[in-house]
Amino acid sequence: MMWRRLKVSLLRRGVLKTVILIILTLMIVYVYNHPDNSSTEVIETQADVNGQQLMEDFSTSRSRRSQVLDEACRHKAKGSVENLAKTQFDHIIVNDKYKTLFCYVPKVACSQWKKVFLMMSGKVNDSRKLDEYTVHTVYSHFLRYLSSYQPNEILHKIKHYKKFIMVRNPLERLVSAFQNKFHGTGQKNYKFVEIGMQIVRKYRKDFTEPVTGRDVTFEEFASYVIDNPEGVRDEHWRSIVNLCSPCQVGYDFIAKQETLMEDANHIMSQMAPHIAFPAKPKVYMKSNTSESISYYLSQLPPSQVHKLLDIYKDDFSHFDYSFSKYVKDIF
């Protein structure tokens, strides 16, 4: 009797377990086929809101750049593009296939942008062939500049092509040029060794021969830029306004070194979406120029600082850069 009751009890338990298992299985199937999307929808909605906000912030900040430039140009006798000498267009790279103009500025991701245009030219199909040296030497003849066209062609391209420029804080660019050309990879270029020797002989009171040109101080370099008409004309530290004539050309988009990748990706999406913007050359990876500006300016007498600010005043005003924080750090 007891055995029979135990058997019935076990049987009932087995049935109960089976029923529970079936119910759980049905519940799992139901949940799988009818997921609760509320949390996912909240996340996706928030992502959409954040993404939209980022796009609006990007558009607003970049529009402000153009507004600042327009305002600065209104207060400056800019003249017309027709009256510019052809040499004023020798830094504007042209790609007729993509109907694009880009004014390259040395010490403002210059090597990276030249890599982009070499890839766009179709003459170079492997970006690994390009480095910070070959883009300026071996492959440079594949690039064409606006100054090489006839006047009517220049005006046509300025009117109808997309026009881009990338700028940088002028003092940071000046310091970067000094570091690179007189104490970095630029020493491989004998042109800057010769300039260094000229600087030392002219501005160092107690120099001894032989002069190497590889130990120029920033104060000596600043004196060269301030005093020498040819010195200030070197493309590596010539003012961006002088290099690219922004008031006359009217660039559609102003990119900045400070927001390099965001701006570069935007330009590439408009210009050549299939080409990825190249990484920063390894030789410049450890650069901390922005942190060095106050250090270098502190080596100069106030009169020199003011003269440098005067040389680059248009770059400050036209591209919305401030020099007040550097002056406060020094004086």
C-alpha atoms as a PDB file:
ATOM      1  CA  MET A   1       0.000   0.000   0.000  1.00  0.00           C
ATOM      2  CA  MET A   2       2.752   2.360   0.987  1.00  0.00           C
ATOM      3  CA  TRP A   3       4.646   1.498  -2.178  1.00  0.00           C
ATOM      4  CA  ARG A   4       1.581   2.243  -4.272  1.00  0.00           C
ATOM      5  CA  ARG A   5       1.115   5.662  -2.611  1.00  0.00           C
ATOM      6  CA  LEU A   6       4.816   6.480  -3.137  1.00  0.00           C
ATOM      7  CA  LYS A   7       4.537   5.477  -6.757  1.00  0.00           C
ATOM      8  CA  VAL A   8       1.495   7.722  -7.276  1.00  0.00           C
ATOM      9  CA  SER A   9       3.272  10.587  -5.498  1.00  0.00           C
ATOM     10  CA  LEU A  10       6.346  10.257  -7.691  1.00  0.00           C
ATOM     11  CA  LEU A  11       4.161  10.057 -10.747  1.00  0.00           C
ATOM     12  CA  ARG A  12       2.376  13.241  -9.760  1.00  0.00           C
ATOM     13  CA  ARG A  13       5.708  14.998  -9.131  1.00  0.00           C
ATOM     14  CA  GLY A  14       6.943  13.912 -12.519  1.00  0.00           C
ATOM     15  CA  VAL A  15       3.836  15.264 -14.176  1.00  0.00           C
ATOM     16  CA  LEU A  16       4.174  18.501 -12.234  1.00  0.00           C
ATOM     17  CA  LYS A  17       7.805  18.924 -13.301  1.00  0.00           C
ATOM     18  CA  THR A  18       6.827  18.241 -16.876  1.00  0.00           C
ATOM     19  CA  VAL A  19       4.047  20.834 -16.722  1.00  0.00           C
ATOM     20  CA  ILE A  20       6.374  23.403 -15.154  1.00  0.00           C
ATOM     21  CA  LEU A  21       9.003  22.705 -17.817  1.00  0.00           C
ATOM     22  CA  ILE A  22       6.428  23.138 -20.569  1.00  0.00           C
ATOM     23  CA  ILE A  23       5.221  26.418 -19.074  1.00  0.00           C
ATOM     24  CA  LEU A  24       8.767  27.752 -18.780  1.00  0.00           C
ATOM     25  CA  THR A  25       9.495  26.718 -22.347  1.00  0.00           C
ATOM     26  CA  LEU A  26       6.390  28.501 -23.597  1.00  0.00           C
ATOM     27  CA  MET A  27       7.353  31.610 -21.643  1.00  0.00           C
ATOM     28  CA  ILE A  28      10.857  31.630 -23.151  1.00  0.00           C
ATOM     29  CA  VAL A  29       9.439  31.184 -26.644  1.00  0.00           C
ATOM     30  CA  TYR A  30       6.996  34.041 -26.038  1.00  0.00           C
ATOM     31  CA  VAL A  31       9.678  36.399 -24.735  1.00  0.00           C
ATOM     32  CA  TYR A  32      11.943  35.515 -27.627  1.00  0.00           C
ATOM     33  CA  ASN A  33       9.213  36.248 -30.166  1.00  0.00           C
ATOM     34  CA  HIS A  34       7.829  39.283 -28.290  1.00  0.00           C
ATOM     35  CA  PRO A  35      10.865  41.097 -26.873  1.00  0.00           C
ATOM     36  CA  ASP A  36      10.464  44.104 -24.625  1.00  0.00           C
ATOM     37  CA  ASN A  37      11.905  46.845 -26.802  1.00  0.00           C
ATOM     38  CA  SER A  38      11.238  49.637 -24.353  1.00  0.00           C
ATOM     39  CA  SER A  39      14.779  49.744 -22.935  1.00  0.00           C
ATOM     40  CA  THR A  40      16.355  49.348 -26.374  1.00  0.00           C
ATOM     41  CA  GLU A  41      14.146  52.082 -27.750  1.00  0.00           C
ATOM     42  CA  VAL A  42      15.132  54.404 -24.890  1.00  0.00           C
ATOM     43  CA  ILE A  43      18.824  53.780 -25.566  1.00  0.00           C
ATOM     44  CA  GLU A  44      18.401  54.257 -29.308  1.00  0.00           C
ATOM     45  CA  THR A  45      16.331  57.410 -28.782  1.00  0.00           C
ATOM     46  CA  GLN A  46      18.971  58.850 -26.457  1.00  0.00           C
ATOM     47  CA  ALA A  47      21.690  57.956 -28.980  1.00  0.00           C
ATOM     48  CA  ASP A  48      19.716  59.717 -31.706  1.00  0.00           C
ATOM     49  CA  VAL A  49      19.305  62.802 -29.507  1.00  0.00           C
ATOM     50  CA  ASN A  50      23.013  62.827 -28.616  1.00  0.00           C
ATOM     51  CA  GLY A  51      24.011  62.303 -32.246  1.00  0.00           C
ATOM     52  CA  GLN A  52      21.715  65.078 -33.402  1.00  0.00           C
ATOM     53  CA  GLN A  53      23.133  67.395 -30.745  1.00  0.00           C
ATOM     54  CA  LEU A  54      26.688  66.602 -31.816  1.00  0.00           C
ATOM     55  CA  MET A  55      25.811  67.354 -35.428  1.00  0.00           C
ATOM     56  CA  GLU A  56      24.183  70.623 -34.436  1.00  0.00           C
ATOM     57  CA  ASP A  57      27.180  71.596 -32.278  1.00  0.00           C
ATOM     58  CA  PHE A  58      29.542  70.742 -35.138  1.00  0.00           C
ATOM     59  CA  SER A  59      27.516  72.782 -37.618  1.00  0.00           C
ATOM     60  CA  THR A  60      27.237  75.742 -35.242  1.00  0.00           C
ATOM     61  CA  SER A  61      30.935  75.868 -34.381  1.00  0.00           C
ATOM     62  CA  ARG A  62      32.016  75.557 -38.014  1.00  0.00           C
ATOM     63  CA  SER A  63      29.531  78.179 -39.121  1.00  0.00           C
ATOM     64  CA  ARG A  64      30.953  80.515 -36.503  1.00  0.00           C
ATOM     65  CA  ARG A  65      34.398  80.130 -38.085  1.00  0.00           C
ATOM     66  CA  SER A  66      33.053  81.403 -41.395  1.00  0.00           C
ATOM     67  CA  GLN A  67      31.186  84.221 -39.676  1.00  0.00           C
ATOM     68  CA  VAL A  68      34.326  85.357 -37.844  1.00  0.00           C
ATOM     69  CA  LEU A  69      36.296  85.305 -41.088  1.00  0.00           C
ATOM     70  CA  ASP A  70      33.596  87.254 -42.952  1.00  0.00           C
ATOM     71  CA  GLU A  71      33.526  89.876 -40.217  1.00  0.00           C
ATOM     72  CA  ALA A  72      37.329  90.213 -40.214  1.00  0.00           C
ATOM     73  CA  CYS A  73      37.366  90.537 -43.997  1.00  0.00           C
ATOM     74  CA  ARG A  74      34.762  93.310 -43.882  1.00  0.00           C
ATOM     75  CA  HIS A  75      37.092  95.358 -41.707  1.00  0.00           C
ATOM     76  CA  LYS A  76      40.061  94.845 -43.992  1.00  0.00           C
ATOM     77  CA  ALA A  77      40.593  96.239 -47.487  1.00  0.00           C
ATOM     78  CA  LYS A  78      40.620  92.840 -49.131  1.00  0.00           C
ATOM     79  CA  GLY A  79      40.514  93.666 -52.838  1.00  0.00           C
ATOM     80  CA  SER A  80      39.141  91.249 -55.421  1.00  0.00           C
ATOM     81  CA  VAL A  81      40.380  87.822 -56.390  1.00  0.00           C
ATOM     82  CA  GLU A  82      40.892  89.064 -59.950  1.00  0.00           C
ATOM     83  CA  ASN A  83      43.585  91.453 -58.737  1.00  0.00           C
ATOM     84  CA  LEU A  84      45.678  88.845 -56.940  1.00  0.00           C
ATOM     85  CA  ALA A  85      49.003  87.818 -58.436  1.00  0.00           C
ATOM     86  CA  LYS A  86      49.182  84.195 -59.587  1.00  0.00           C
ATOM     87  CA  THR A  87      51.786  83.527 -56.911  1.00  0.00           C
ATOM     88  CA  GLN A  88      49.035  84.024 -54.330  1.00  0.00           C
ATOM     89  CA  PHE A  89      47.563  80.725 -55.498  1.00  0.00           C
ATOM     90  CA  ASP A  90      50.706  78.609 -55.284  1.00  0.00           C
ATOM     91  CA  HIS A  91      49.578  76.881 -52.071  1.00  0.00           C
ATOM     92  CA  ILE A  92      46.151  75.894 -53.347  1.00  0.00           C
ATOM     93  CA  ILE A  93      46.126  72.271 -54.516  1.00  0.00           C
ATOM     94  CA  VAL A  94      43.678  71.453 -57.310  1.00  0.00           C
ATOM     95  CA  ASN A  95      41.939  68.192 -58.118  1.00  0.00           C
ATOM     96  CA  ASP A  96      39.827  68.594 -61.249  1.00  0.00           C
ATOM     97  CA  LYS A  97      38.290  65.110 -61.051  1.00  0.00           C
ATOM     98  CA  TYR A  98      36.772  65.849 -57.634  1.00  0.00           C
ATOM     99  CA  LYS A  99      36.365  69.587 -58.346  1.00  0.00           C
ATOM    100  CA  THR A 100      38.181  70.495 -55.161  1.00  0.00           C
ATOM    101  CA  LEU A 101      40.589  73.220 -54.032  1.00  0.00           C
ATOM    102  CA  PHE A 102      42.571  72.914 -50.818  1.00  0.00           C
ATOM    103  CA  CYS A 103      45.004  75.489 -49.467  1.00  0.00           C
ATOM    104  CA  TYR A 104      47.752  73.603 -47.681  1.00  0.00           C
ATOM    105  CA  VAL A 105      49.525  75.367 -44.828  1.00  0.00           C
ATOM    106  CA  PRO A 106      52.935  74.036 -43.739  1.00  0.00           C
ATOM    107  CA  LYS A 107      52.924  72.847 -40.116  1.00  0.00           C
ATOM    108  CA  VAL A 108      49.161  72.235 -40.269  1.00  0.00           C
ATOM    109  CA  ALA A 109      48.852  68.508 -41.115  1.00  0.00           C
ATOM    110  CA  CYS A 110      50.490  69.412 -44.408  1.00  0.00           C
ATOM    111  CA  SER A 111      52.015  65.973 -45.121  1.00  0.00           C
ATOM    112  CA  GLN A 112      48.720  64.227 -44.393  1.00  0.00           C
ATOM    113  CA  TRP A 113      46.778  66.445 -46.772  1.00  0.00           C
ATOM    114  CA  LYS A 114      49.306  66.021 -49.540  1.00  0.00           C
ATOM    115  CA  LYS A 115      48.997  62.241 -49.107  1.00  0.00           C
ATOM    116  CA  VAL A 116      45.250  62.604 -49.568  1.00  0.00           C
ATOM    117  CA  PHE A 117      45.615  64.561 -52.795  1.00  0.00           C
ATOM    118  CA  LEU A 118      48.233  62.192 -54.142  1.00  0.00           C
ATOM    119  CA  MET A 119      45.799  59.321 -53.576  1.00  0.00           C
ATOM    120  CA  MET A 120      43.028  61.351 -55.206  1.00  0.00           C
ATOM    121  CA  SER A 121      45.252  62.002 -58.230  1.00  0.00           C
ATOM    122  CA  GLY A 122      45.297  58.304 -59.043  1.00  0.00           C
ATOM    123  CA  LYS A 123      49.058  58.469 -59.531  1.00  0.00           C
ATOM    124  CA  VAL A 124      49.729  56.729 -56.225  1.00  0.00           C
ATOM    125  CA  ASN A 125      47.624  53.696 -55.323  1.00  0.00           C
ATOM    126  CA  ASP A 126      49.459  52.581 -52.198  1.00  0.00           C
ATOM    127  CA  SER A 127      49.568  55.053 -49.314  1.00  0.00           C
ATOM    128  CA  ARG A 128      52.418  53.058 -47.731  1.00  0.00           C
ATOM    129  CA  LYS A 129      54.722  54.531 -50.372  1.00  0.00           C
ATOM    130  CA  LEU A 130      54.109  57.971 -48.933  1.00  0.00           C
ATOM    131  CA  ASP A 131      55.831  59.427 -45.892  1.00  0.00           C
ATOM    132  CA  GLU A 132      56.539  62.929 -44.622  1.00  0.00           C
ATOM    133  CA  TYR A 133      59.553  63.185 -46.966  1.00  0.00           C
ATOM    134  CA  THR A 134      58.423  61.594 -50.244  1.00  0.00           C
ATOM    135  CA  VAL A 135      55.167  63.593 -50.382  1.00  0.00           C
ATOM    136  CA  HIS A 136      57.268  66.756 -50.634  1.00  0.00           C
ATOM    137  CA  THR A 137      59.930  65.355 -52.952  1.00  0.00           C
ATOM    138  CA  VAL A 138      59.521  62.129 -54.934  1.00  0.00           C
ATOM    139  CA  TYR A 139      55.795  62.439 -55.567  1.00  0.00           C
ATOM    140  CA  SER A 140      55.302  66.194 -55.346  1.00  0.00           C
ATOM    141  CA  HIS A 141      55.227  66.624 -59.138  1.00  0.00           C
ATOM    142  CA  PHE A 142      51.931  64.717 -59.236  1.00  0.00           C
ATOM    143  CA  LEU A 143      50.210  67.582 -57.440  1.00  0.00           C
ATOM    144  CA  ARG A 144      48.913  70.548 -59.389  1.00  0.00           C
ATOM    145  CA  TYR A 145      48.431  74.021 -57.973  1.00  0.00           C
ATOM    146  CA  LEU A 146      45.988  76.751 -58.853  1.00  0.00           C
ATOM    147  CA  SER A 147      48.799  79.101 -59.848  1.00  0.00           C
ATOM    148  CA  SER A 148      49.613  76.818 -62.813  1.00  0.00           C
ATOM    149  CA  TYR A 149      46.292  77.583 -64.538  1.00  0.00           C
ATOM    150  CA  GLN A 150      45.327  80.467 -66.773  1.00  0.00           C
ATOM    151  CA  PRO A 151      43.592  83.455 -65.116  1.00  0.00           C
ATOM    152  CA  ASN A 152      40.154  82.579 -66.493  1.00  0.00           C
ATOM    153  CA  GLU A 153      40.552  78.980 -65.310  1.00  0.00           C
ATOM    154  CA  ILE A 154      41.585  80.161 -61.851  1.00  0.00           C
ATOM    155  CA  LEU A 155      38.462  82.296 -61.527  1.00  0.00           C
ATOM    156  CA  HIS A 156      36.240  79.473 -62.800  1.00  0.00           C
ATOM    157  CA  LYS A 157      37.609  76.968 -60.290  1.00  0.00           C
ATOM    158  CA  ILE A 158      37.340  79.402 -57.378  1.00  0.00           C
ATOM    159  CA  LYS A 159      33.721  80.037 -58.286  1.00  0.00           C
ATOM    160  CA  HIS A 160      32.611  76.456 -58.951  1.00  0.00           C
ATOM    161  CA  TYR A 161      34.875  74.080 -56.989  1.00  0.00           C
ATOM    162  CA  LYS A 162      34.578  73.113 -53.323  1.00  0.00           C
ATOM    163  CA  LYS A 163      37.179  75.053 -51.341  1.00  0.00           C
ATOM    164  CA  PHE A 164      38.776  73.942 -48.076  1.00  0.00           C
ATOM    165  CA  ILE A 165      41.477  75.256 -45.760  1.00  0.00           C
ATOM    166  CA  MET A 166      42.971  74.061 -42.473  1.00  0.00           C
ATOM    167  CA  VAL A 167      44.432  76.564 -40.023  1.00  0.00           C
ATOM    168  CA  ARG A 168      46.257  76.570 -36.692  1.00  0.00           C
ATOM    169  CA  ASN A 169      47.036  78.895 -33.800  1.00  0.00           C
ATOM    170  CA  PRO A 170      49.762  81.107 -35.362  1.00  0.00           C
ATOM    171  CA  LEU A 171      52.051  81.052 -32.314  1.00  0.00           C
ATOM    172  CA  GLU A 172      51.772  77.279 -32.037  1.00  0.00           C
ATOM    173  CA  ARG A 173      52.572  76.992 -35.734  1.00  0.00           C
ATOM    174  CA  LEU A 174      55.595  79.294 -35.331  1.00  0.00           C
ATOM    175  CA  VAL A 175      56.949  77.248 -32.420  1.00  0.00           C
ATOM    176  CA  SER A 176      56.308  74.023 -34.329  1.00  0.00           C
ATOM    177  CA  ALA A 177      58.280  75.346 -37.297  1.00  0.00           C
ATOM    178  CA  PHE A 178      61.174  76.341 -35.033  1.00  0.00           C
ATOM    179  CA  GLN A 179      61.258  72.965 -33.292  1.00  0.00           C
ATOM    180  CA  ASN A 180      61.033  70.999 -36.519  1.00  0.00           C
ATOM    181  CA  LYS A 181      63.311  72.981 -38.810  1.00  0.00           C
ATOM    182  CA  PHE A 182      66.092  73.862 -36.385  1.00  0.00           C
ATOM    183  CA  HIS A 183      65.967  71.084 -33.805  1.00  0.00           C
ATOM    184  CA  GLY A 184      64.131  68.225 -35.498  1.00  0.00           C
ATOM    185  CA  THR A 185      63.794  66.419 -38.817  1.00  0.00           C
ATOM    186  CA  GLY A 186      64.234  69.715 -40.676  1.00  0.00           C
ATOM    187  CA  GLN A 187      67.937  69.535 -39.895  1.00  0.00           C
ATOM    188  CA  LYS A 188      68.181  66.969 -42.678  1.00  0.00           C
ATOM    189  CA  ASN A 189      67.378  69.773 -45.109  1.00  0.00           C
ATOM    190  CA  TYR A 190      70.517  71.798 -45.741  1.00  0.00           C
ATOM    191  CA  LYS A 191      68.396  74.850 -46.544  1.00  0.00           C
ATOM    192  CA  PHE A 192      67.529  75.207 -42.865  1.00  0.00           C
ATOM    193  CA  VAL A 193      71.087  74.446 -41.785  1.00  0.00           C
ATOM    194  CA  GLU A 194      72.197  77.402 -43.914  1.00  0.00           C
ATOM    195  CA  ILE A 195      69.445  79.616 -42.507  1.00  0.00           C
ATOM    196  CA  GLY A 196      70.490  78.536 -39.027  1.00  0.00           C
ATOM    197  CA  MET A 197      74.078  79.559 -39.714  1.00  0.00           C
ATOM    198  CA  GLN A 198      72.913  82.948 -41.016  1.00  0.00           C
ATOM    199  CA  ILE A 199      70.804  83.465 -37.915  1.00  0.00           C
ATOM    200  CA  VAL A 200      73.619  82.607 -35.509  1.00  0.00           C
ATOM    201  CA  ARG A 201      76.133  84.843 -37.276  1.00  0.00           C
ATOM    202  CA  LYS A 202      73.744  87.795 -37.332  1.00  0.00           C
ATOM    203  CA  TYR A 203      72.034  87.584 -33.947  1.00  0.00           C
ATOM    204  CA  ARG A 204      74.483  85.857 -31.603  1.00  0.00           C
ATOM    205  CA  LYS A 205      76.992  88.241 -30.036  1.00  0.00           C
ATOM    206  CA  ASP A 206      79.692  85.747 -29.134  1.00  0.00           C
ATOM    207  CA  PHE A 207      79.535  83.017 -31.748  1.00  0.00           C
ATOM    208  CA  THR A 208      82.617  81.038 -32.721  1.00  0.00           C
ATOM    209  CA  GLU A 209      83.446  79.407 -36.013  1.00  0.00           C
ATOM    210  CA  PRO A 210      82.684  76.947 -37.370  1.00  0.00           C
ATOM    211  CA  VAL A 211      78.992  77.714 -36.962  1.00  0.00           C
ATOM    212  CA  THR A 212      76.784  74.646 -37.425  1.00  0.00           C
ATOM    213  CA  GLY A 213      73.364  76.287 -37.564  1.00  0.00           C
ATOM    214  CA  ARG A 214      71.965  73.453 -35.446  1.00  0.00           C
ATOM    215  CA  ASP A 215      71.782  75.289 -32.122  1.00  0.00           C
ATOM    216  CA  VAL A 216      69.623  78.305 -32.962  1.00  0.00           C
ATOM    217  CA  THR A 217      67.774  79.719 -29.951  1.00  0.00           C
ATOM    218  CA  PHE A 218      64.143  80.750 -30.153  1.00  0.00           C
ATOM    219  CA  GLU A 219      65.047  84.373 -29.441  1.00  0.00           C
ATOM    220  CA  GLU A 220      67.485  84.337 -32.372  1.00  0.00           C
ATOM    221  CA  PHE A 221      64.860  82.744 -34.599  1.00  0.00           C
ATOM    222  CA  ALA A 222      62.252  85.324 -33.550  1.00  0.00           C
ATOM    223  CA  SER A 223      64.680  88.132 -34.392  1.00  0.00           C
ATOM    224  CA  TYR A 224      65.178  86.624 -37.844  1.00  0.00           C
ATOM    225  CA  VAL A 225      61.426  86.421 -38.473  1.00  0.00           C
ATOM    226  CA  ILE A 226      60.845  89.977 -37.236  1.00  0.00           C
ATOM    227  CA  ASP A 227      63.809  91.725 -38.876  1.00  0.00           C
ATOM    228  CA  ASN A 228      64.228  89.897 -42.150  1.00  0.00           C
ATOM    229  CA  PRO A 229      61.642  90.445 -44.921  1.00  0.00           C
ATOM    230  CA  GLU A 230      62.738  87.183 -46.506  1.00  0.00           C
ATOM    231  CA  GLY A 231      62.641  85.426 -43.170  1.00  0.00           C
ATOM    232  CA  VAL A 232      58.984  86.136 -42.566  1.00  0.00           C
ATOM    233  CA  ARG A 233      58.181  84.993 -46.121  1.00  0.00           C
ATOM    234  CA  ASP A 234      59.269  81.382 -45.580  1.00  0.00           C
ATOM    235  CA  GLU A 235      56.191  79.234 -46.136  1.00  0.00           C
ATOM    236  CA  HIS A 236      56.673  77.332 -42.882  1.00  0.00           C
ATOM    237  CA  TRP A 237      55.929  80.410 -40.791  1.00  0.00           C
ATOM    238  CA  ARG A 238      54.455  82.894 -43.264  1.00  0.00           C
ATOM    239  CA  SER A 239      51.027  84.072 -42.115  1.00  0.00           C
ATOM    240  CA  ILE A 240      48.112  81.915 -43.241  1.00  0.00           C
ATOM    241  CA  VAL A 241      46.222  84.959 -44.502  1.00  0.00           C
ATOM    242  CA  ASN A 242      49.166  85.712 -46.771  1.00  0.00           C
ATOM    243  CA  LEU A 243      49.500  82.091 -47.917  1.00  0.00           C
ATOM    244  CA  CYS A 244      45.852  81.380 -48.702  1.00  0.00           C
ATOM    245  CA  SER A 245      44.099  84.737 -49.317  1.00  0.00           C
ATOM    246  CA  PRO A 246      40.946  83.660 -47.453  1.00  0.00           C
ATOM    247  CA  CYS A 247      39.089  86.948 -47.926  1.00  0.00           C
ATOM    248  CA  GLN A 248      39.436  86.763 -51.697  1.00  0.00           C
ATOM    249  CA  VAL A 249      39.038  83.005 -52.231  1.00  0.00           C
ATOM    250  CA  GLY A 250      36.101  82.485 -49.868  1.00  0.00           C
ATOM    251  CA  TYR A 251      36.628  78.975 -48.526  1.00  0.00           C
ATOM    252  CA  ASP A 252      33.541  76.836 -48.007  1.00  0.00           C
ATOM    253  CA  PHE A 253      34.899  75.111 -44.927  1.00  0.00           C
ATOM    254  CA  ILE A 254      37.535  76.191 -42.416  1.00  0.00           C
ATOM    255  CA  ALA A 255      39.134  73.272 -40.602  1.00  0.00           C
ATOM    256  CA  LYS A 256      41.418  73.602 -37.601  1.00  0.00           C
ATOM    257  CA  GLN A 257      44.404  71.662 -36.334  1.00  0.00           C
ATOM    258  CA  GLU A 258      42.799  71.685 -32.896  1.00  0.00           C
ATOM    259  CA  THR A 259      39.859  69.615 -34.222  1.00  0.00           C
ATOM    260  CA  LEU A 260      41.870  67.782 -36.850  1.00  0.00           C
ATOM    261  CA  MET A 261      40.152  64.416 -37.125  1.00  0.00           C
ATOM    262  CA  GLU A 262      36.566  65.689 -36.852  1.00  0.00           C
ATOM    263  CA  ASP A 263      37.207  68.317 -39.519  1.00  0.00           C
ATOM    264  CA  ALA A 264      39.289  66.041 -41.732  1.00  0.00           C
ATOM    265  CA  ASN A 265      36.617  63.342 -41.700  1.00  0.00           C
ATOM    266  CA  HIS A 266      34.004  65.920 -42.633  1.00  0.00           C
ATOM    267  CA  ILE A 267      36.111  67.208 -45.522  1.00  0.00           C
ATOM    268  CA  MET A 268      36.789  63.684 -46.753  1.00  0.00           C
ATOM    269  CA  SER A 269      33.063  62.893 -46.681  1.00  0.00           C
ATOM    270  CA  GLN A 270      32.476  65.890 -48.951  1.00  0.00           C
ATOM    271  CA  MET A 271      35.524  65.462 -51.130  1.00  0.00           C
ATOM    272  CA  ALA A 272      36.492  61.778 -51.491  1.00  0.00           C
ATOM    273  CA  PRO A 273      34.548  59.466 -49.137  1.00  0.00           C
ATOM    274  CA  HIS A 274      36.391  56.346 -50.318  1.00  0.00           C
ATOM    275  CA  ILE A 275      39.769  57.650 -49.088  1.00  0.00           C
ATOM    276  CA  ALA A 276      40.607  57.508 -45.384  1.00  0.00           C
ATOM    277  CA  PHE A 277      42.424  60.455 -43.872  1.00  0.00           C
ATOM    278  CA  PRO A 278      45.954  59.232 -43.049  1.00  0.00           C
ATOM    279  CA  ALA A 279      47.315  58.940 -39.532  1.00  0.00           C
ATOM    280  CA  LYS A 280      49.708  61.504 -38.118  1.00  0.00           C
ATOM    281  CA  PRO A 281      53.337  60.727 -39.104  1.00  0.00           C
ATOM    282  CA  LYS A 282      55.181  58.910 -36.322  1.00  0.00           C
ATOM    283  CA  VAL A 283      57.912  61.535 -36.317  1.00  0.00           C
ATOM    284  CA  TYR A 284      55.355  64.046 -34.970  1.00  0.00           C
ATOM    285  CA  MET A 285      53.583  61.735 -32.516  1.00  0.00           C
ATOM    286  CA  LYS A 286      55.372  63.085 -29.432  1.00  0.00           C
ATOM    287  CA  SER A 287      54.805  66.722 -30.288  1.00  0.00           C
ATOM    288  CA  ASN A 288      53.411  68.884 -27.475  1.00  0.00           C
ATOM    289  CA  THR A 289      53.757  72.256 -29.163  1.00  0.00           C
ATOM    290  CA  SER A 290      50.662  73.813 -27.589  1.00  0.00           C
ATOM    291  CA  GLU A 291      52.144  73.259 -24.123  1.00  0.00           C
ATOM    292  CA  SER A 292      55.434  74.880 -25.168  1.00  0.00           C
ATOM    293  CA  ILE A 293      54.199  78.253 -26.408  1.00  0.00           C
ATOM    294  CA  SER A 294      54.402  80.075 -23.064  1.00  0.00           C
ATOM    295  CA  TYR A 295      57.829  78.542 -22.406  1.00  0.00           C
ATOM    296  CA  TYR A 296      59.248  79.837 -25.687  1.00  0.00           C
ATOM    297  CA  LEU A 297      57.589  83.245 -25.509  1.00  0.00           C
ATOM    298  CA  SER A 298      58.956  83.730 -21.995  1.00  0.00           C
ATOM    299  CA  GLN A 299      62.445  83.711 -23.535  1.00  0.00           C
ATOM    300  CA  LEU A 300      61.665  86.870 -25.510  1.00  0.00           C
ATOM    301  CA  PRO A 301      61.681  90.510 -24.400  1.00  0.00           C
ATOM    302  CA  PRO A 302      58.193  92.087 -24.427  1.00  0.00           C
ATOM    303  CA  SER A 303      59.028  94.138 -27.501  1.00  0.00           C
ATOM    304  CA  GLN A 304      59.679  91.001 -29.551  1.00  0.00           C
ATOM    305  CA  VAL A 305      56.482  89.339 -28.370  1.00  0.00           C
ATOM    306  CA  HIS A 306      54.470  92.367 -29.460  1.00  0.00           C
ATOM    307  CA  LYS A 307      56.174  92.405 -32.852  1.00  0.00           C
ATOM    308  CA  LEU A 308      55.368  88.721 -33.408  1.00  0.00           C
ATOM    309  CA  LEU A 309      51.767  89.323 -32.431  1.00  0.00           C
ATOM    310  CA  ASP A 310      51.639  92.171 -34.932  1.00  0.00           C
ATOM    311  CA  ILE A 311      53.019  89.952 -37.720  1.00  0.00           C
ATOM    312  CA  TYR A 312      50.334  87.337 -37.101  1.00  0.00           C
ATOM    313  CA  LYS A 313      47.503  89.646 -36.039  1.00  0.00           C
ATOM    314  CA  ASP A 314      45.441  88.807 -39.137  1.00  0.00           C
ATOM    315  CA  ASP A 315      45.708  85.082 -38.447  1.00  0.00           C
ATOM    316  CA  PHE A 316      44.462  85.680 -34.904  1.00  0.00           C
ATOM    317  CA  SER A 317      41.518  87.842 -35.972  1.00  0.00           C
ATOM    318  CA  HIS A 318      40.516  86.007 -39.153  1.00  0.00           C
ATOM    319  CA  PHE A 319      40.535  82.524 -37.630  1.00  0.00           C
ATOM    320  CA  ASP A 320      39.266  83.316 -34.138  1.00  0.00           C
ATOM    321  CA  TYR A 321      42.397  82.665 -32.091  1.00  0.00           C
ATOM    322  CA  SER A 322      43.273  84.479 -28.894  1.00  0.00           C
ATOM    323  CA  PHE A 323      46.753  85.514 -27.773  1.00  0.00           C
ATOM    324  CA  SER A 324      45.685  87.081 -24.471  1.00  0.00           C
ATOM    325  CA  LYS A 325      46.295  83.932 -22.443  1.00  0.00           C
ATOM    326  CA  TYR A 326      49.904  83.785 -23.618  1.00  0.00           C
ATOM    327  CA  VAL A 327      50.462  87.438 -22.806  1.00  0.00           C
ATOM    328  CA  LYS A 328      49.021  86.877 -19.304  1.00  0.00           C
ATOM    329  CA  ASP A 329      51.360  83.948 -18.773  1.00  0.00           C
ATOM    330  CA  ILE A 330      54.391  86.044 -19.677  1.00  0.00           C
ATOM    331  CA  PHE A 331      53.763  89.555 -18.350  1.00  0.00           C
END
